[in-house]
mmCIF file of all heavy atoms, coordinates in Angstrom:
data_MODEL
# 
_entry.id   MODEL 
# 
loop_
_atom_site.group_PDB 
_atom_site.id 
_atom_site.type_symbol 
_atom_site.label_atom_id 
_atom_site.label_alt_id 
_atom_site.label_comp_id 
_atom_site.label_asym_id 
_atom_site.label_entity_id 
_atom_site.label_seq_id 
_atom_site.pdbx_PDB_ins_code 
_atom_site.Cartn_x 
_atom_site.Cartn_y 
_atom_site.Cartn_z 
_atom_site.occupancy 
_atom_site.B_iso_or_equiv 
_atom_site.pdbx_formal_charge 
_atom_site.auth_seq_id 
_atom_site.auth_comp_id 
_atom_site.auth_asym_id 
_atom_site.auth_atom_id 
_atom_site.pdbx_PDB_model_num 
ATOM 1   N N   . TYR A 1 1  ? 10.375  -8.713  11.778  1.00 0.00 ? 1  TYR A N   1 
ATOM 2   C CA  . TYR A 1 1  ? 10.412  -8.491  10.332  1.00 0.00 ? 1  TYR A CA  1 
ATOM 3   C C   . TYR A 1 1  ? 9.506   -9.518  9.635   1.00 0.00 ? 1  TYR A C   1 
ATOM 4   O O   . TYR A 1 1  ? 9.646   -10.731 9.848   1.00 0.00 ? 1  TYR A O   1 
ATOM 5   C CB  . TYR A 1 1  ? 11.844  -8.617  9.819   1.00 0.00 ? 1  TYR A CB  1 
ATOM 6   C CG  . TYR A 1 1  ? 11.944  -8.610  8.299   1.00 0.00 ? 1  TYR A CG  1 
ATOM 7   C CD1 . TYR A 1 1  ? 11.623  -7.452  7.583   1.00 0.00 ? 1  TYR A CD1 1 
ATOM 8   C CD2 . TYR A 1 1  ? 12.341  -9.749  7.603   1.00 0.00 ? 1  TYR A CD2 1 
ATOM 9   C CE1 . TYR A 1 1  ? 11.710  -7.434  6.201   1.00 0.00 ? 1  TYR A CE1 1 
ATOM 10  C CE2 . TYR A 1 1  ? 12.429  -9.738  6.232   1.00 0.00 ? 1  TYR A CE2 1 
ATOM 11  C CZ  . TYR A 1 1  ? 12.119  -8.571  5.537   1.00 0.00 ? 1  TYR A CZ  1 
ATOM 12  O OH  . TYR A 1 1  ? 12.202  -8.555  4.173   1.00 0.00 ? 1  TYR A OH  1 
ATOM 13  N N   . ASN A 1 2  ? 8.542   -9.033  8.853   1.00 0.00 ? 2  ASN A N   1 
ATOM 14  C CA  . ASN A 1 2  ? 7.643   -9.910  8.093   1.00 0.00 ? 2  ASN A CA  1 
ATOM 15  C C   . ASN A 1 2  ? 8.045   -9.860  6.617   1.00 0.00 ? 2  ASN A C   1 
ATOM 16  O O   . ASN A 1 2  ? 7.838   -8.848  5.957   1.00 0.00 ? 2  ASN A O   1 
ATOM 17  C CB  . ASN A 1 2  ? 6.198   -9.434  8.257   1.00 0.00 ? 2  ASN A CB  1 
ATOM 18  C CG  . ASN A 1 2  ? 5.209   -10.361 7.543   1.00 0.00 ? 2  ASN A CG  1 
ATOM 19  O OD1 . ASN A 1 2  ? 5.605   -11.237 6.791   1.00 0.00 ? 2  ASN A OD1 1 
ATOM 20  N ND2 . ASN A 1 2  ? 3.925   -10.132 7.808   1.00 0.00 ? 2  ASN A ND2 1 
ATOM 21  N N   . PRO A 1 3  ? 8.642   -10.929 6.093   1.00 0.00 ? 3  PRO A N   1 
ATOM 22  C CA  . PRO A 1 3  ? 9.136   -10.898 4.706   1.00 0.00 ? 3  PRO A CA  1 
ATOM 23  C C   . PRO A 1 3  ? 7.999   -10.790 3.686   1.00 0.00 ? 3  PRO A C   1 
ATOM 24  O O   . PRO A 1 3  ? 8.227   -10.490 2.532   1.00 0.00 ? 3  PRO A O   1 
ATOM 25  C CB  . PRO A 1 3  ? 9.874   -12.227 4.567   1.00 0.00 ? 3  PRO A CB  1 
ATOM 26  C CG  . PRO A 1 3  ? 9.245   -13.129 5.565   1.00 0.00 ? 3  PRO A CG  1 
ATOM 27  C CD  . PRO A 1 3  ? 8.872   -12.240 6.717   1.00 0.00 ? 3  PRO A CD  1 
ATOM 28  N N   . PHE A 1 4  ? 6.768   -11.069 4.068   1.00 0.00 ? 4  PHE A N   1 
ATOM 29  C CA  . PHE A 1 4  ? 5.648   -11.048 3.129   1.00 0.00 ? 4  PHE A CA  1 
ATOM 30  C C   . PHE A 1 4  ? 4.833   -9.768  3.218   1.00 0.00 ? 4  PHE A C   1 
ATOM 31  O O   . PHE A 1 4  ? 3.794   -9.632  2.586   1.00 0.00 ? 4  PHE A O   1 
ATOM 32  C CB  . PHE A 1 4  ? 4.719   -12.245 3.392   1.00 0.00 ? 4  PHE A CB  1 
ATOM 33  C CG  . PHE A 1 4  ? 5.413   -13.568 3.261   1.00 0.00 ? 4  PHE A CG  1 
ATOM 34  C CD1 . PHE A 1 4  ? 5.765   -14.294 4.392   1.00 0.00 ? 4  PHE A CD1 1 
ATOM 35  C CD2 . PHE A 1 4  ? 5.724   -14.065 2.011   1.00 0.00 ? 4  PHE A CD2 1 
ATOM 36  C CE1 . PHE A 1 4  ? 6.411   -15.510 4.260   1.00 0.00 ? 4  PHE A CE1 1 
ATOM 37  C CE2 . PHE A 1 4  ? 6.370   -15.289 1.884   1.00 0.00 ? 4  PHE A CE2 1 
ATOM 38  C CZ  . PHE A 1 4  ? 6.720   -16.011 3.006   1.00 0.00 ? 4  PHE A CZ  1 
ATOM 39  N N   . GLY A 1 5  ? 5.300   -8.840  4.042   1.00 0.00 ? 5  GLY A N   1 
ATOM 40  C CA  . GLY A 1 5  ? 4.573   -7.590  4.180   1.00 0.00 ? 5  GLY A CA  1 
ATOM 41  C C   . GLY A 1 5  ? 3.357   -7.771  5.060   1.00 0.00 ? 5  GLY A C   1 
ATOM 42  O O   . GLY A 1 5  ? 3.234   -8.720  5.829   1.00 0.00 ? 5  GLY A O   1 
ATOM 43  N N   . ASN A 1 6  ? 2.425   -6.851  4.924   1.00 0.00 ? 6  ASN A N   1 
ATOM 44  C CA  . ASN A 1 6  ? 1.211   -6.874  5.726   1.00 0.00 ? 6  ASN A CA  1 
ATOM 45  C C   . ASN A 1 6  ? 0.366   -8.110  5.392   1.00 0.00 ? 6  ASN A C   1 
ATOM 46  O O   . ASN A 1 6  ? 0.181   -8.465  4.239   1.00 0.00 ? 6  ASN A O   1 
ATOM 47  C CB  . ASN A 1 6  ? 0.402   -5.603  5.431   1.00 0.00 ? 6  ASN A CB  1 
ATOM 48  C CG  . ASN A 1 6  ? -0.758  -5.466  6.393   1.00 0.00 ? 6  ASN A CG  1 
ATOM 49  O OD1 . ASN A 1 6  ? -1.738  -6.187  6.256   1.00 0.00 ? 6  ASN A OD1 1 
ATOM 50  N ND2 . ASN A 1 6  ? -0.626  -4.549  7.332   1.00 0.00 ? 6  ASN A ND2 1 
ATOM 51  N N   . ASN A 1 7  ? -0.150  -8.776  6.437   1.00 0.00 ? 7  ASN A N   1 
ATOM 52  C CA  . ASN A 1 7  ? -0.937  -9.986  6.227   1.00 0.00 ? 7  ASN A CA  1 
ATOM 53  C C   . ASN A 1 7  ? -2.175  -9.733  5.370   1.00 0.00 ? 7  ASN A C   1 
ATOM 54  O O   . ASN A 1 7  ? -2.582  -10.576 4.579   1.00 0.00 ? 7  ASN A O   1 
ATOM 55  C CB  . ASN A 1 7  ? -1.365  -10.574 7.577   1.00 0.00 ? 7  ASN A CB  1 
ATOM 56  C CG  . ASN A 1 7  ? -0.215  -11.265 8.286   1.00 0.00 ? 7  ASN A CG  1 
ATOM 57  O OD1 . ASN A 1 7  ? 0.735   -11.661 7.628   1.00 0.00 ? 7  ASN A OD1 1 
ATOM 58  N ND2 . ASN A 1 7  ? -0.315  -11.397 9.599   1.00 0.00 ? 7  ASN A ND2 1 
ATOM 59  N N   . SER A 1 8  ? -2.799  -8.566  5.525   1.00 0.00 ? 8  SER A N   1 
ATOM 60  C CA  . SER A 1 8  ? -3.978  -8.243  4.727   1.00 0.00 ? 8  SER A CA  1 
ATOM 61  C C   . SER A 1 8  ? -3.627  -8.162  3.239   1.00 0.00 ? 8  SER A C   1 
ATOM 62  O O   . SER A 1 8  ? -4.414  -8.567  2.385   1.00 0.00 ? 8  SER A O   1 
ATOM 63  C CB  . SER A 1 8  ? -4.594  -6.920  5.191   1.00 0.00 ? 8  SER A CB  1 
ATOM 64  O OG  . SER A 1 8  ? -3.684  -5.854  5.015   1.00 0.00 ? 8  SER A OG  1 
ATOM 65  N N   . ASP A 1 9  ? -2.414  -7.647  2.942   1.00 0.00 ? 9  ASP A N   1 
ATOM 66  C CA  . ASP A 1 9  ? -1.974  -7.584  1.549   1.00 0.00 ? 9  ASP A CA  1 
ATOM 67  C C   . ASP A 1 9  ? -1.774  -8.979  0.984   1.00 0.00 ? 9  ASP A C   1 
ATOM 68  O O   . ASP A 1 9  ? -2.115  -9.263  -0.175  1.00 0.00 ? 9  ASP A O   1 
ATOM 69  C CB  . ASP A 1 9  ? -0.666  -6.790  1.433   1.00 0.00 ? 9  ASP A CB  1 
ATOM 70  C CG  . ASP A 1 9  ? -0.860  -5.315  1.762   1.00 0.00 ? 9  ASP A CG  1 
ATOM 71  O OD1 . ASP A 1 9  ? -2.018  -4.849  1.670   1.00 0.00 ? 9  ASP A OD1 1 
ATOM 72  O OD2 . ASP A 1 9  ? 0.134   -4.654  2.112   1.00 0.00 ? 9  ASP A OD2 1 
ATOM 73  N N   . VAL A 1 10 ? -1.199  -9.870  1.799   1.00 0.00 ? 10 VAL A N   1 
ATOM 74  C CA  . VAL A 1 10 ? -0.974  -11.251 1.363   1.00 0.00 ? 10 VAL A CA  1 
ATOM 75  C C   . VAL A 1 10 ? -2.305  -11.933 1.087   1.00 0.00 ? 10 VAL A C   1 
ATOM 76  O O   . VAL A 1 10 ? -2.495  -12.601 0.063   1.00 0.00 ? 10 VAL A O   1 
ATOM 77  C CB  . VAL A 1 10 ? -0.173  -12.038 2.428   1.00 0.00 ? 10 VAL A CB  1 
ATOM 78  C CG1 . VAL A 1 10 ? -0.071  -13.509 2.027   1.00 0.00 ? 10 VAL A CG1 1 
ATOM 79  C CG2 . VAL A 1 10 ? 1.201   -11.436 2.601   1.00 0.00 ? 10 VAL A CG2 1 
ATOM 80  N N   . ASN A 1 11 ? -3.249  -11.766 2.011   1.00 0.00 ? 11 ASN A N   1 
ATOM 81  C CA  . ASN A 1 11 ? -4.563  -12.382 1.837   1.00 0.00 ? 11 ASN A CA  1 
ATOM 82  C C   . ASN A 1 11 ? -5.270  -11.852 0.595   1.00 0.00 ? 11 ASN A C   1 
ATOM 83  O O   . ASN A 1 11 ? -5.913  -12.600 -0.156  1.00 0.00 ? 11 ASN A O   1 
ATOM 84  C CB  . ASN A 1 11 ? -5.433  -12.124 3.072   1.00 0.00 ? 11 ASN A CB  1 
ATOM 85  C CG  . ASN A 1 11 ? -4.948  -12.892 4.287   1.00 0.00 ? 11 ASN A CG  1 
ATOM 86  O OD1 . ASN A 1 11 ? -4.295  -13.925 4.140   1.00 0.00 ? 11 ASN A OD1 1 
ATOM 87  N ND2 . ASN A 1 11 ? -5.262  -12.393 5.480   1.00 0.00 ? 11 ASN A ND2 1 
ATOM 88  N N   . GLU A 1 12 ? -5.139  -10.559 0.375   1.00 0.00 ? 12 GLU A N   1 
ATOM 89  C CA  . GLU A 1 12 ? -5.774  -9.959  -0.795  1.00 0.00 ? 12 GLU A CA  1 
ATOM 90  C C   . GLU A 1 12 ? -5.167  -10.502 -2.087  1.00 0.00 ? 12 GLU A C   1 
ATOM 91  O O   . GLU A 1 12 ? -5.887  -10.794 -3.043  1.00 0.00 ? 12 GLU A O   1 
ATOM 92  C CB  . GLU A 1 12 ? -5.619  -8.435  -0.738  1.00 0.00 ? 12 GLU A CB  1 
ATOM 93  C CG  . GLU A 1 12 ? -6.358  -7.705  -1.865  1.00 0.00 ? 12 GLU A CG  1 
ATOM 94  C CD  . GLU A 1 12 ? -6.216  -6.199  -1.773  1.00 0.00 ? 12 GLU A CD  1 
ATOM 95  O OE1 . GLU A 1 12 ? -5.851  -5.698  -0.680  1.00 0.00 ? 12 GLU A OE1 1 
ATOM 96  O OE2 . GLU A 1 12 ? -6.463  -5.535  -2.794  1.00 0.00 ? 12 GLU A OE2 1 
ATOM 97  N N   . ALA A 1 13 ? -3.840  -10.642 -2.111  1.00 0.00 ? 13 ALA A N   1 
ATOM 98  C CA  . ALA A 1 13 ? -3.157  -11.172 -3.293  1.00 0.00 ? 13 ALA A CA  1 
ATOM 99  C C   . ALA A 1 13 ? -3.574  -12.619 -3.554  1.00 0.00 ? 13 ALA A C   1 
ATOM 100 O O   . ALA A 1 13 ? -3.806  -13.017 -4.704  1.00 0.00 ? 13 ALA A O   1 
ATOM 101 C CB  . ALA A 1 13 ? -1.647  -11.077 -3.122  1.00 0.00 ? 13 ALA A CB  1 
ATOM 102 N N   . MET A 1 14 ? -3.673  -13.413 -2.468  1.00 0.00 ? 14 MET A N   1 
ATOM 103 C CA  . MET A 1 14 ? -4.074  -14.809 -2.608  1.00 0.00 ? 14 MET A CA  1 
ATOM 104 C C   . MET A 1 14 ? -5.514  -14.918 -3.101  1.00 0.00 ? 14 MET A C   1 
ATOM 105 O O   . MET A 1 14 ? -5.832  -15.767 -3.947  1.00 0.00 ? 14 MET A O   1 
ATOM 106 C CB  . MET A 1 14 ? -3.916  -15.536 -1.266  1.00 0.00 ? 14 MET A CB  1 
ATOM 107 C CG  . MET A 1 14 ? -2.472  -15.720 -0.826  1.00 0.00 ? 14 MET A CG  1 
ATOM 108 S SD  . MET A 1 14 ? -2.335  -16.479 0.813   1.00 0.00 ? 14 MET A SD  1 
ATOM 109 C CE  . MET A 1 14 ? -3.058  -18.088 0.508   1.00 0.00 ? 14 MET A CE  1 
ATOM 110 N N   . GLN A 1 15 ? -6.378  -14.051 -2.570  1.00 0.00 ? 15 GLN A N   1 
ATOM 111 C CA  . GLN A 1 15 ? -7.765  -14.060 -3.014  1.00 0.00 ? 15 GLN A CA  1 
ATOM 112 C C   . GLN A 1 15 ? -7.885  -13.661 -4.475  1.00 0.00 ? 15 GLN A C   1 
ATOM 113 O O   . GLN A 1 15 ? -8.676  -14.250 -5.226  1.00 0.00 ? 15 GLN A O   1 
ATOM 114 C CB  . GLN A 1 15 ? -8.596  -13.108 -2.150  1.00 0.00 ? 15 GLN A CB  1 
ATOM 115 C CG  . GLN A 1 15 ? -8.812  -13.611 -0.725  1.00 0.00 ? 15 GLN A CG  1 
ATOM 116 C CD  . GLN A 1 15 ? -9.522  -12.577 0.137   1.00 0.00 ? 15 GLN A CD  1 
ATOM 117 O OE1 . GLN A 1 15 ? -9.830  -11.475 -0.320  1.00 0.00 ? 15 GLN A OE1 1 
ATOM 118 N NE2 . GLN A 1 15 ? -9.772  -12.928 1.395   1.00 0.00 ? 15 GLN A NE2 1 
ATOM 119 N N   . ARG A 1 16 ? -7.065  -12.671 -4.866  1.00 0.00 ? 16 ARG A N   1 
ATOM 120 C CA  . ARG A 1 16 ? -7.087  -12.236 -6.265  1.00 0.00 ? 16 ARG A CA  1 
ATOM 121 C C   . ARG A 1 16 ? -6.622  -13.364 -7.181  1.00 0.00 ? 16 ARG A C   1 
ATOM 122 O O   . ARG A 1 16 ? -7.207  -13.625 -8.237  1.00 0.00 ? 16 ARG A O   1 
ATOM 123 C CB  . ARG A 1 16 ? -6.208  -10.998 -6.452  1.00 0.00 ? 16 ARG A CB  1 
ATOM 124 C CG  . ARG A 1 16 ? -6.336  -10.363 -7.845  1.00 0.00 ? 16 ARG A CG  1 
ATOM 125 C CD  . ARG A 1 16 ? -5.377  -9.201  -8.037  1.00 0.00 ? 16 ARG A CD  1 
ATOM 126 N NE  . ARG A 1 16 ? -5.547  -8.190  -7.007  1.00 0.00 ? 16 ARG A NE  1 
ATOM 127 C CZ  . ARG A 1 16 ? -4.629  -7.899  -6.080  1.00 0.00 ? 16 ARG A CZ  1 
ATOM 128 N NH1 . ARG A 1 16 ? -3.483  -8.567  -6.056  1.00 0.00 ? 16 ARG A NH1 1 
ATOM 129 N NH2 . ARG A 1 16 ? -4.859  -6.963  -5.192  1.00 0.00 ? 16 ARG A NH2 1 
ATOM 130 N N   . GLU A 1 17 ? -5.548  -14.049 -6.791  1.00 0.00 ? 17 GLU A N   1 
ATOM 131 C CA  . GLU A 1 17 ? -5.020  -15.153 -7.591  1.00 0.00 ? 17 GLU A CA  1 
ATOM 132 C C   . GLU A 1 17 ? -6.044  -16.289 -7.689  1.00 0.00 ? 17 GLU A C   1 
ATOM 133 O O   . GLU A 1 17 ? -6.243  -16.877 -8.749  1.00 0.00 ? 17 GLU A O   1 
ATOM 134 C CB  . GLU A 1 17 ? -3.718  -15.678 -6.970  1.00 0.00 ? 17 GLU A CB  1 
ATOM 135 C CG  . GLU A 1 17 ? -3.049  -16.778 -7.796  1.00 0.00 ? 17 GLU A CG  1 
ATOM 136 C CD  . GLU A 1 17 ? -1.750  -17.258 -7.177  1.00 0.00 ? 17 GLU A CD  1 
ATOM 137 O OE1 . GLU A 1 17 ? -1.331  -16.688 -6.143  1.00 0.00 ? 17 GLU A OE1 1 
ATOM 138 O OE2 . GLU A 1 17 ? -1.166  -18.207 -7.720  1.00 0.00 ? 17 GLU A OE2 1 
ATOM 139 N N   . PHE A 1 18 ? -6.699  -16.588 -6.574  1.00 0.00 ? 18 PHE A N   1 
ATOM 140 C CA  . PHE A 1 18 ? -7.714  -17.639 -6.562  1.00 0.00 ? 18 PHE A CA  1 
ATOM 141 C C   . PHE A 1 18 ? -8.878  -17.256 -7.476  1.00 0.00 ? 18 PHE A C   1 
ATOM 142 O O   . PHE A 1 18 ? -9.392  -18.094 -8.241  1.00 0.00 ? 18 PHE A O   1 
ATOM 143 C CB  . PHE A 1 18 ? -8.221  -17.867 -5.135  1.00 0.00 ? 18 PHE A CB  1 
ATOM 144 C CG  . PHE A 1 18 ? -9.329  -18.861 -5.038  1.00 0.00 ? 18 PHE A CG  1 
ATOM 145 C CD1 . PHE A 1 18 ? -9.057  -20.225 -5.093  1.00 0.00 ? 18 PHE A CD1 1 
ATOM 146 C CD2 . PHE A 1 18 ? -10.651 -18.440 -4.891  1.00 0.00 ? 18 PHE A CD2 1 
ATOM 147 C CE1 . PHE A 1 18 ? -10.084 -21.148 -4.997  1.00 0.00 ? 18 PHE A CE1 1 
ATOM 148 C CE2 . PHE A 1 18 ? -11.683 -19.361 -4.803  1.00 0.00 ? 18 PHE A CE2 1 
ATOM 149 C CZ  . PHE A 1 18 ? -11.398 -20.723 -4.859  1.00 0.00 ? 18 PHE A CZ  1 
ATOM 150 N N   . TYR A 1 19 ? -9.287  -15.976 -7.414  1.00 0.00 ? 19 TYR A N   1 
ATOM 151 C CA  . TYR A 1 19 ? -10.384 -15.495 -8.245  1.00 0.00 ? 19 TYR A CA  1 
ATOM 152 C C   . TYR A 1 19 ? -10.036 -15.610 -9.725  1.00 0.00 ? 19 TYR A C   1 
ATOM 153 O O   . TYR A 1 19 ? -10.860 -16.060 -10.537 1.00 0.00 ? 19 TYR A O   1 
ATOM 154 C CB  . TYR A 1 19 ? -10.700 -14.044 -7.890  1.00 0.00 ? 19 TYR A CB  1 
ATOM 155 C CG  . TYR A 1 19 ? -11.616 -13.350 -8.864  1.00 0.00 ? 19 TYR A CG  1 
ATOM 156 C CD1 . TYR A 1 19 ? -12.984 -13.608 -8.866  1.00 0.00 ? 19 TYR A CD1 1 
ATOM 157 C CD2 . TYR A 1 19 ? -11.106 -12.443 -9.801  1.00 0.00 ? 19 TYR A CD2 1 
ATOM 158 C CE1 . TYR A 1 19 ? -13.828 -12.978 -9.768  1.00 0.00 ? 19 TYR A CE1 1 
ATOM 159 C CE2 . TYR A 1 19 ? -11.940 -11.808 -10.707 1.00 0.00 ? 19 TYR A CE2 1 
ATOM 160 C CZ  . TYR A 1 19 ? -13.304 -12.079 -10.684 1.00 0.00 ? 19 TYR A CZ  1 
ATOM 161 O OH  . TYR A 1 19 ? -14.130 -11.461 -11.583 1.00 0.00 ? 19 TYR A OH  1 
ATOM 162 N N   . ILE A 1 20 ? -8.802  -15.230 -10.081 1.00 0.00 ? 20 ILE A N   1 
ATOM 163 C CA  . ILE A 1 20 ? -8.365  -15.288 -11.484 1.00 0.00 ? 20 ILE A CA  1 
ATOM 164 C C   . ILE A 1 20 ? -8.351  -16.728 -11.972 1.00 0.00 ? 20 ILE A C   1 
ATOM 165 O O   . ILE A 1 20 ? -8.796  -17.027 -13.093 1.00 0.00 ? 20 ILE A O   1 
ATOM 166 C CB  . ILE A 1 20 ? -6.983  -14.633 -11.655 1.00 0.00 ? 20 ILE A CB  1 
ATOM 167 C CG1 . ILE A 1 20 ? -7.090  -13.115 -11.438 1.00 0.00 ? 20 ILE A CG1 1 
ATOM 168 C CG2 . ILE A 1 20 ? -6.396  -14.924 -13.030 1.00 0.00 ? 20 ILE A CG2 1 
ATOM 169 C CD1 . ILE A 1 20 ? -5.757  -12.395 -11.427 1.00 0.00 ? 20 ILE A CD1 1 
ATOM 170 N N   . LYS A 1 21 ? -7.859  -17.650 -11.144 1.00 0.00 ? 21 LYS A N   1 
ATOM 171 C CA  . LYS A 1 21 ? -7.815  -19.057 -11.539 1.00 0.00 ? 21 LYS A CA  1 
ATOM 172 C C   . LYS A 1 21 ? -9.227  -19.612 -11.747 1.00 0.00 ? 21 LYS A C   1 
ATOM 173 O O   . LYS A 1 21 ? -9.484  -20.343 -12.711 1.00 0.00 ? 21 LYS A O   1 
ATOM 174 C CB  . LYS A 1 21 ? -7.082  -19.879 -10.487 1.00 0.00 ? 21 LYS A CB  1 
ATOM 175 C CG  . LYS A 1 21 ? -5.563  -19.682 -10.482 1.00 0.00 ? 21 LYS A CG  1 
ATOM 176 C CD  . LYS A 1 21 ? -4.903  -20.571 -9.443  1.00 0.00 ? 21 LYS A CD  1 
ATOM 177 C CE  . LYS A 1 21 ? -3.382  -20.401 -9.469  1.00 0.00 ? 21 LYS A CE  1 
ATOM 178 N NZ  . LYS A 1 21 ? -2.718  -21.255 -8.451  1.00 0.00 ? 21 LYS A NZ  1 
ATOM 179 N N   . GLN A 1 22 ? -10.130 -19.280 -10.852 1.00 0.00 ? 22 GLN A N   1 
ATOM 180 C CA  . GLN A 1 22 ? -11.506 -19.748 -10.970 1.00 0.00 ? 22 GLN A CA  1 
ATOM 181 C C   . GLN A 1 22 ? -12.192 -19.160 -12.201 1.00 0.00 ? 22 GLN A C   1 
ATOM 182 O O   . GLN A 1 22 ? -12.919 -19.868 -12.912 1.00 0.00 ? 22 GLN A O   1 
ATOM 183 C CB  . GLN A 1 22 ? -12.296 -19.379 -9.704  1.00 0.00 ? 22 GLN A CB  1 
ATOM 184 C CG  . GLN A 1 22 ? -11.892 -20.157 -8.460  1.00 0.00 ? 22 GLN A CG  1 
ATOM 185 C CD  . GLN A 1 22 ? -12.113 -21.650 -8.633  1.00 0.00 ? 22 GLN A CD  1 
ATOM 186 O OE1 . GLN A 1 22 ? -11.156 -22.419 -8.753  1.00 0.00 ? 22 GLN A OE1 1 
ATOM 187 N NE2 . GLN A 1 22 ? -13.363 -22.063 -8.660  1.00 0.00 ? 22 GLN A NE2 1 
ATOM 188 N N   . ARG A 1 23 ? -11.912 -17.886 -12.428 1.00 0.00 ? 23 ARG A N   1 
ATOM 189 C CA  . ARG A 1 23 ? -12.530 -17.245 -13.594 1.00 0.00 ? 23 ARG A CA  1 
ATOM 190 C C   . ARG A 1 23 ? -11.954 -17.811 -14.893 1.00 0.00 ? 23 ARG A C   1 
ATOM 191 O O   . ARG A 1 23 ? -12.693 -18.023 -15.861 1.00 0.00 ? 23 ARG A O   1 
ATOM 192 C CB  . ARG A 1 23 ? -12.290 -15.738 -13.534 1.00 0.00 ? 23 ARG A CB  1 
ATOM 193 C CG  . ARG A 1 23 ? -12.998 -14.986 -14.641 1.00 0.00 ? 23 ARG A CG  1 
ATOM 194 C CD  . ARG A 1 23 ? -12.893 -13.505 -14.454 1.00 0.00 ? 23 ARG A CD  1 
ATOM 195 N NE  . ARG A 1 23 ? -13.374 -12.812 -15.640 1.00 0.00 ? 23 ARG A NE  1 
ATOM 196 C CZ  . ARG A 1 23 ? -13.315 -11.507 -15.807 1.00 0.00 ? 23 ARG A CZ  1 
ATOM 197 N NH1 . ARG A 1 23 ? -12.811 -10.747 -14.847 1.00 0.00 ? 23 ARG A NH1 1 
ATOM 198 N NH2 . ARG A 1 23 ? -13.760 -10.948 -16.903 1.00 0.00 ? 23 ARG A NH2 1 
ATOM 199 N N   . ALA A 1 24 ? -10.649 -18.069 -14.918 1.00 0.00 ? 24 ALA A N   1 
ATOM 200 C CA  . ALA A 1 24 ? -10.024 -18.663 -16.101 1.00 0.00 ? 24 ALA A CA  1 
ATOM 201 C C   . ALA A 1 24 ? -10.620 -20.041 -16.385 1.00 0.00 ? 24 ALA A C   1 
ATOM 202 O O   . ALA A 1 24 ? -10.909 -20.391 -17.536 1.00 0.00 ? 24 ALA A O   1 
ATOM 203 C CB  . ALA A 1 24 ? -8.513  -18.756 -15.906 1.00 0.00 ? 24 ALA A CB  1 
ATOM 204 N N   . LYS A 1 25 ? -10.803 -20.821 -15.326 1.00 0.00 ? 25 LYS A N   1 
ATOM 205 C CA  . LYS A 1 25 ? -11.397 -22.147 -15.469 1.00 0.00 ? 25 LYS A CA  1 
ATOM 206 C C   . LYS A 1 25 ? -12.816 -22.046 -16.025 1.00 0.00 ? 25 LYS A C   1 
ATOM 207 O O   . LYS A 1 25 ? -13.207 -22.818 -16.923 1.00 0.00 ? 25 LYS A O   1 
ATOM 208 C CB  . LYS A 1 25 ? -11.410 -22.845 -14.113 1.00 0.00 ? 25 LYS A CB  1 
ATOM 209 C CG  . LYS A 1 25 ? -11.926 -24.275 -14.151 1.00 0.00 ? 25 LYS A CG  1 
ATOM 210 C CD  . LYS A 1 25 ? -11.848 -24.902 -12.761 1.00 0.00 ? 25 LYS A CD  1 
ATOM 211 C CE  . LYS A 1 25 ? -12.394 -26.337 -12.782 1.00 0.00 ? 25 LYS A CE  1 
ATOM 212 N NZ  . LYS A 1 25 ? -12.327 -26.958 -11.436 1.00 0.00 ? 25 LYS A NZ  1 
ATOM 213 N N   . LYS A 1 26 ? -13.574 -21.095 -15.520 1.00 0.00 ? 26 LYS A N   1 
ATOM 214 C CA  . LYS A 1 26 ? -14.946 -20.900 -15.981 1.00 0.00 ? 26 LYS A CA  1 
ATOM 215 C C   . LYS A 1 26 ? -14.979 -20.459 -17.446 1.00 0.00 ? 26 LYS A C   1 
ATOM 216 O O   . LYS A 1 26 ? -15.791 -20.971 -18.239 1.00 0.00 ? 26 LYS A O   1 
ATOM 217 C CB  . LYS A 1 26 ? -15.640 -19.848 -15.112 1.00 0.00 ? 26 LYS A CB  1 
ATOM 218 C CG  . LYS A 1 26 ? -17.089 -19.589 -15.503 1.00 0.00 ? 26 LYS A CG  1 
ATOM 219 C CD  . LYS A 1 26 ? -17.708 -18.497 -14.636 1.00 0.00 ? 26 LYS A CD  1 
ATOM 220 C CE  . LYS A 1 26 ? -19.137 -18.197 -15.090 1.00 0.00 ? 26 LYS A CE  1 
ATOM 221 N NZ  . LYS A 1 26 ? -19.739 -17.093 -14.292 1.00 0.00 ? 26 LYS A NZ  1 
ATOM 222 N N   . GLU A 1 27 ? -14.090 -19.525 -17.833 1.00 0.00 ? 27 GLU A N   1 
ATOM 223 C CA  . GLU A 1 27 ? -14.062 -19.036 -19.213 1.00 0.00 ? 27 GLU A CA  1 
ATOM 224 C C   . GLU A 1 27 ? -13.664 -20.148 -20.182 1.00 0.00 ? 27 GLU A C   1 
ATOM 225 O O   . GLU A 1 27 ? -14.235 -20.257 -21.272 1.00 0.00 ? 27 GLU A O   1 
ATOM 226 C CB  . GLU A 1 27 ? -13.090 -17.858 -19.334 1.00 0.00 ? 27 GLU A CB  1 
ATOM 227 C CG  . GLU A 1 27 ? -13.631 -16.567 -18.739 1.00 0.00 ? 27 GLU A CG  1 
ATOM 228 C CD  . GLU A 1 27 ? -12.733 -15.374 -19.023 1.00 0.00 ? 27 GLU A CD  1 
ATOM 229 O OE1 . GLU A 1 27 ? -11.768 -15.527 -19.798 1.00 0.00 ? 27 GLU A OE1 1 
ATOM 230 O OE2 . GLU A 1 27 ? -12.978 -14.308 -18.455 1.00 0.00 ? 27 GLU A OE2 1 
# 
């Protein structure tokens, strides 16, 4: 049982969050 779901989904969510933080910092 993987409580975080598919690893690719987790990585995608983390990448999205990182992208948003970087873009917010830039803006």
